[in-house]
N, C-alpha and C. Protein backbone atom coordinates (compact mmCIF):
# COMPACT_ATOMS: atom_id res chain seq x y z
N THR A 1 82.21 -64.24 17.23
CA THR A 1 81.68 -62.92 17.49
C THR A 1 82.48 -61.89 16.71
N LEU A 2 81.81 -60.87 16.22
CA LEU A 2 82.44 -59.78 15.49
C LEU A 2 82.89 -58.72 16.48
N PHE A 3 84.10 -58.19 16.29
CA PHE A 3 84.57 -57.09 17.14
C PHE A 3 85.03 -55.92 16.28
N ALA A 4 84.95 -54.73 16.86
CA ALA A 4 85.49 -53.52 16.26
C ALA A 4 86.33 -52.84 17.33
N GLN A 5 87.48 -52.31 16.92
CA GLN A 5 88.39 -51.67 17.89
C GLN A 5 89.08 -50.47 17.26
N VAL A 6 89.39 -49.50 18.10
CA VAL A 6 90.30 -48.41 17.75
C VAL A 6 91.58 -48.71 18.53
N VAL A 7 92.67 -48.92 17.80
CA VAL A 7 93.93 -49.34 18.43
C VAL A 7 95.07 -48.44 17.96
N ASP A 8 96.17 -48.46 18.74
CA ASP A 8 97.36 -47.75 18.28
C ASP A 8 98.42 -48.76 17.85
N GLU A 9 99.60 -48.26 17.50
CA GLU A 9 100.66 -49.13 16.98
C GLU A 9 101.14 -50.15 18.01
N ASP A 10 100.90 -49.88 19.30
CA ASP A 10 101.26 -50.84 20.35
C ASP A 10 100.10 -51.76 20.70
N THR A 11 99.04 -51.72 19.91
CA THR A 11 97.79 -52.47 20.08
C THR A 11 97.05 -52.11 21.37
N THR A 12 97.31 -50.91 21.91
CA THR A 12 96.48 -50.41 23.01
C THR A 12 95.10 -50.13 22.45
N ARG A 13 94.06 -50.64 23.12
CA ARG A 13 92.68 -50.42 22.67
C ARG A 13 92.15 -49.14 23.30
N TRP A 14 91.78 -48.19 22.47
CA TRP A 14 91.21 -46.93 22.94
C TRP A 14 89.69 -46.97 22.86
N ALA A 15 89.16 -47.92 22.10
CA ALA A 15 87.72 -48.18 22.04
C ALA A 15 87.56 -49.61 21.54
N SER A 16 86.53 -50.27 22.04
CA SER A 16 86.32 -51.66 21.64
C SER A 16 84.86 -52.02 21.86
N GLN A 17 84.32 -52.79 20.94
CA GLN A 17 82.94 -53.26 21.08
C GLN A 17 82.77 -54.57 20.35
N ASP A 18 82.08 -55.50 20.98
CA ASP A 18 81.64 -56.73 20.31
C ASP A 18 80.26 -56.44 19.74
N LEU A 19 80.03 -56.94 18.55
CA LEU A 19 78.84 -56.53 17.82
C LEU A 19 77.98 -57.69 17.38
N GLY A 20 76.69 -57.44 17.35
CA GLY A 20 75.77 -58.38 16.75
C GLY A 20 75.68 -59.72 17.47
N GLN A 21 75.09 -60.65 16.77
CA GLN A 21 74.91 -62.00 17.30
C GLN A 21 76.22 -62.78 17.19
N PRO A 22 76.43 -63.74 18.08
CA PRO A 22 77.62 -64.60 17.95
C PRO A 22 77.62 -65.29 16.58
N THR A 23 78.80 -65.45 16.02
CA THR A 23 78.90 -66.07 14.70
C THR A 23 78.37 -67.49 14.69
N SER A 24 78.32 -68.13 15.86
CA SER A 24 77.79 -69.50 15.92
C SER A 24 76.31 -69.55 15.55
N SER A 25 75.63 -68.40 15.61
CA SER A 25 74.20 -68.37 15.25
C SER A 25 73.97 -67.97 13.79
N TRP A 26 75.04 -67.68 13.04
CA TRP A 26 74.90 -67.29 11.65
C TRP A 26 74.69 -68.51 10.77
N ALA A 27 73.90 -68.34 9.72
CA ALA A 27 73.73 -69.39 8.71
C ALA A 27 74.72 -69.13 7.58
N GLU A 28 75.21 -70.19 6.97
CA GLU A 28 76.16 -70.05 5.87
C GLU A 28 75.56 -69.19 4.76
N GLY A 29 76.32 -68.20 4.30
CA GLY A 29 75.87 -67.31 3.24
C GLY A 29 74.98 -66.17 3.70
N GLU A 30 74.61 -66.16 4.98
CA GLU A 30 73.75 -65.12 5.51
C GLU A 30 74.52 -63.80 5.62
N LEU A 31 73.89 -62.70 5.19
CA LEU A 31 74.49 -61.38 5.32
C LEU A 31 74.15 -60.79 6.67
N GLN A 32 75.10 -60.09 7.26
CA GLN A 32 74.89 -59.44 8.55
C GLN A 32 75.03 -57.93 8.38
N THR A 33 74.11 -57.18 8.95
CA THR A 33 74.18 -55.73 8.97
C THR A 33 74.29 -55.30 10.43
N VAL A 34 75.29 -54.49 10.72
CA VAL A 34 75.54 -54.08 12.10
C VAL A 34 75.75 -52.58 12.15
N GLN A 35 75.10 -51.92 13.10
CA GLN A 35 75.38 -50.51 13.39
C GLN A 35 76.13 -50.46 14.70
N MET A 36 77.07 -49.54 14.80
CA MET A 36 77.87 -49.51 16.02
C MET A 36 78.29 -48.10 16.35
N SER A 37 78.69 -47.93 17.59
CA SER A 37 79.39 -46.72 18.02
C SER A 37 80.60 -47.20 18.81
N LEU A 38 81.68 -46.46 18.70
CA LEU A 38 82.91 -46.80 19.41
C LEU A 38 83.33 -45.59 20.24
N PRO A 39 82.74 -45.41 21.42
CA PRO A 39 83.13 -44.28 22.26
C PRO A 39 84.60 -44.41 22.68
N LEU A 40 85.36 -43.36 22.45
CA LEU A 40 86.77 -43.36 22.80
C LEU A 40 86.97 -43.10 24.28
N SER A 41 88.02 -43.67 24.82
CA SER A 41 88.43 -43.38 26.19
C SER A 41 88.72 -41.88 26.28
N PRO A 42 88.33 -41.22 27.38
CA PRO A 42 88.56 -39.78 27.50
C PRO A 42 90.04 -39.38 27.43
N ASP A 43 90.94 -40.29 27.75
CA ASP A 43 92.37 -39.96 27.74
C ASP A 43 93.06 -40.41 26.45
N THR A 44 92.29 -40.62 25.38
CA THR A 44 92.87 -41.02 24.10
C THR A 44 93.73 -39.89 23.55
N PRO A 45 95.02 -40.14 23.30
CA PRO A 45 95.88 -39.09 22.74
C PRO A 45 95.46 -38.69 21.32
N GLY A 46 95.70 -37.44 20.99
CA GLY A 46 95.39 -36.95 19.65
C GLY A 46 96.37 -37.50 18.63
N LYS A 47 95.87 -38.28 17.68
CA LYS A 47 96.64 -38.77 16.54
C LYS A 47 95.71 -39.57 15.64
N VAL A 48 96.25 -40.26 14.66
CA VAL A 48 95.45 -41.05 13.73
C VAL A 48 95.51 -42.52 14.15
N TYR A 49 94.33 -43.15 14.22
CA TYR A 49 94.22 -44.54 14.64
C TYR A 49 93.47 -45.35 13.59
N PRO A 50 93.85 -46.61 13.39
CA PRO A 50 93.03 -47.47 12.54
C PRO A 50 91.81 -47.98 13.32
N ILE A 51 90.72 -48.14 12.61
CA ILE A 51 89.57 -48.88 13.14
C ILE A 51 89.65 -50.25 12.50
N ILE A 52 89.70 -51.28 13.34
CA ILE A 52 89.84 -52.64 12.83
C ILE A 52 88.61 -53.47 13.16
N LEU A 53 88.34 -54.46 12.32
CA LEU A 53 87.26 -55.42 12.51
C LEU A 53 87.86 -56.81 12.47
N GLY A 54 87.27 -57.71 13.24
CA GLY A 54 87.70 -59.09 13.21
C GLY A 54 86.63 -59.99 13.80
N LEU A 55 86.92 -61.26 13.80
CA LEU A 55 86.03 -62.28 14.36
C LEU A 55 86.81 -63.11 15.35
N TYR A 56 86.12 -63.56 16.40
CA TYR A 56 86.78 -64.45 17.35
C TYR A 56 85.81 -65.50 17.86
N THR A 57 86.37 -66.56 18.38
CA THR A 57 85.61 -67.60 19.07
C THR A 57 86.16 -67.68 20.50
N VAL A 58 85.38 -68.27 21.37
CA VAL A 58 85.83 -68.50 22.75
C VAL A 58 85.78 -70.00 23.00
N ALA A 59 86.91 -70.56 23.41
CA ALA A 59 87.00 -71.98 23.74
C ALA A 59 87.83 -72.12 25.00
N ASP A 60 87.30 -72.81 25.98
CA ASP A 60 87.98 -73.02 27.25
C ASP A 60 88.43 -71.71 27.88
N GLY A 61 87.58 -70.68 27.76
CA GLY A 61 87.88 -69.39 28.35
C GLY A 61 88.90 -68.56 27.59
N GLN A 62 89.37 -69.07 26.45
CA GLN A 62 90.37 -68.36 25.64
C GLN A 62 89.69 -67.70 24.43
N PHE A 63 90.07 -66.45 24.17
CA PHE A 63 89.58 -65.75 22.99
C PHE A 63 90.53 -66.04 21.84
N ASN A 64 90.00 -66.59 20.76
CA ASN A 64 90.81 -66.97 19.60
C ASN A 64 90.33 -66.21 18.37
N ARG A 65 91.18 -65.31 17.88
CA ARG A 65 90.83 -64.56 16.67
C ARG A 65 90.93 -65.48 15.46
N LEU A 66 89.99 -65.30 14.53
CA LEU A 66 89.99 -66.08 13.31
C LEU A 66 90.91 -65.43 12.28
N GLN A 67 91.66 -66.25 11.56
CA GLN A 67 92.60 -65.77 10.54
C GLN A 67 91.84 -65.39 9.27
N ILE A 68 92.32 -64.37 8.60
CA ILE A 68 91.85 -64.02 7.26
C ILE A 68 92.71 -64.81 6.28
N ILE A 69 92.08 -65.45 5.33
CA ILE A 69 92.79 -66.27 4.35
C ILE A 69 92.74 -65.55 3.00
N ALA A 70 93.91 -65.33 2.40
CA ALA A 70 94.01 -64.68 1.09
C ALA A 70 93.47 -65.60 0.00
N GLU A 71 93.24 -65.02 -1.17
CA GLU A 71 92.72 -65.81 -2.30
C GLU A 71 93.63 -66.97 -2.65
N ASP A 72 94.93 -66.83 -2.42
CA ASP A 72 95.86 -67.91 -2.75
C ASP A 72 95.95 -68.96 -1.63
N GLY A 73 95.12 -68.80 -0.57
CA GLY A 73 95.06 -69.80 0.48
C GLY A 73 95.99 -69.57 1.66
N ARG A 74 96.83 -68.55 1.60
CA ARG A 74 97.74 -68.31 2.72
C ARG A 74 97.06 -67.43 3.77
N PRO A 75 97.32 -67.71 5.05
CA PRO A 75 96.77 -66.86 6.11
C PRO A 75 97.45 -65.49 6.09
N THR A 76 96.68 -64.45 6.31
CA THR A 76 97.25 -63.10 6.31
C THR A 76 97.26 -62.54 7.72
N ASP A 77 96.15 -62.00 8.16
CA ASP A 77 96.09 -61.36 9.47
C ASP A 77 94.86 -61.86 10.21
N ASP A 78 94.68 -61.37 11.43
CA ASP A 78 93.49 -61.76 12.19
C ASP A 78 92.55 -60.57 12.39
N PHE A 79 92.70 -59.55 11.56
CA PHE A 79 91.81 -58.40 11.57
C PHE A 79 91.83 -57.74 10.20
N LEU A 80 90.83 -56.90 9.96
CA LEU A 80 90.72 -56.14 8.73
C LEU A 80 90.75 -54.66 9.11
N ARG A 81 91.64 -53.90 8.50
CA ARG A 81 91.69 -52.46 8.75
C ARG A 81 90.58 -51.81 7.93
N LEU A 82 89.62 -51.22 8.63
CA LEU A 82 88.44 -50.66 7.98
C LEU A 82 88.70 -49.25 7.46
N THR A 83 89.22 -48.38 8.31
CA THR A 83 89.48 -46.99 7.95
C THR A 83 90.38 -46.38 9.00
N LEU A 84 90.70 -45.11 8.82
CA LEU A 84 91.50 -44.39 9.81
C LEU A 84 90.63 -43.33 10.49
N LEU A 85 90.92 -43.08 11.75
CA LEU A 85 90.19 -42.10 12.56
C LEU A 85 91.19 -41.10 13.11
N ARG A 86 90.95 -39.81 12.85
CA ARG A 86 91.83 -38.77 13.40
C ARG A 86 91.21 -38.23 14.69
N VAL A 87 91.96 -38.33 15.78
CA VAL A 87 91.53 -37.80 17.08
C VAL A 87 92.29 -36.51 17.31
N THR A 88 91.56 -35.44 17.61
CA THR A 88 92.20 -34.16 17.91
C THR A 88 92.07 -33.88 19.40
N PRO A 89 93.14 -33.32 19.99
CA PRO A 89 93.09 -33.06 21.45
C PRO A 89 92.09 -31.98 21.81
């Protein structure tokens, strides 16, 4: 499943949404288009936050984020930083 989140440096989630169809229903090479909204928690402090995207699977009740693999084959992170969001009080 694809997820989008607004998080802070402590990984507190101020907004989160799972998007689209589960990845298990995707065909290899198929392109996915997703529209989303990420409503922020009303008590979100004013500052700049990254919006991150990632993929996860669920096995035995555990959420497992999928690793991003660099071109050289080494694992990097389990999310992609999409952009920054400035929240004003």
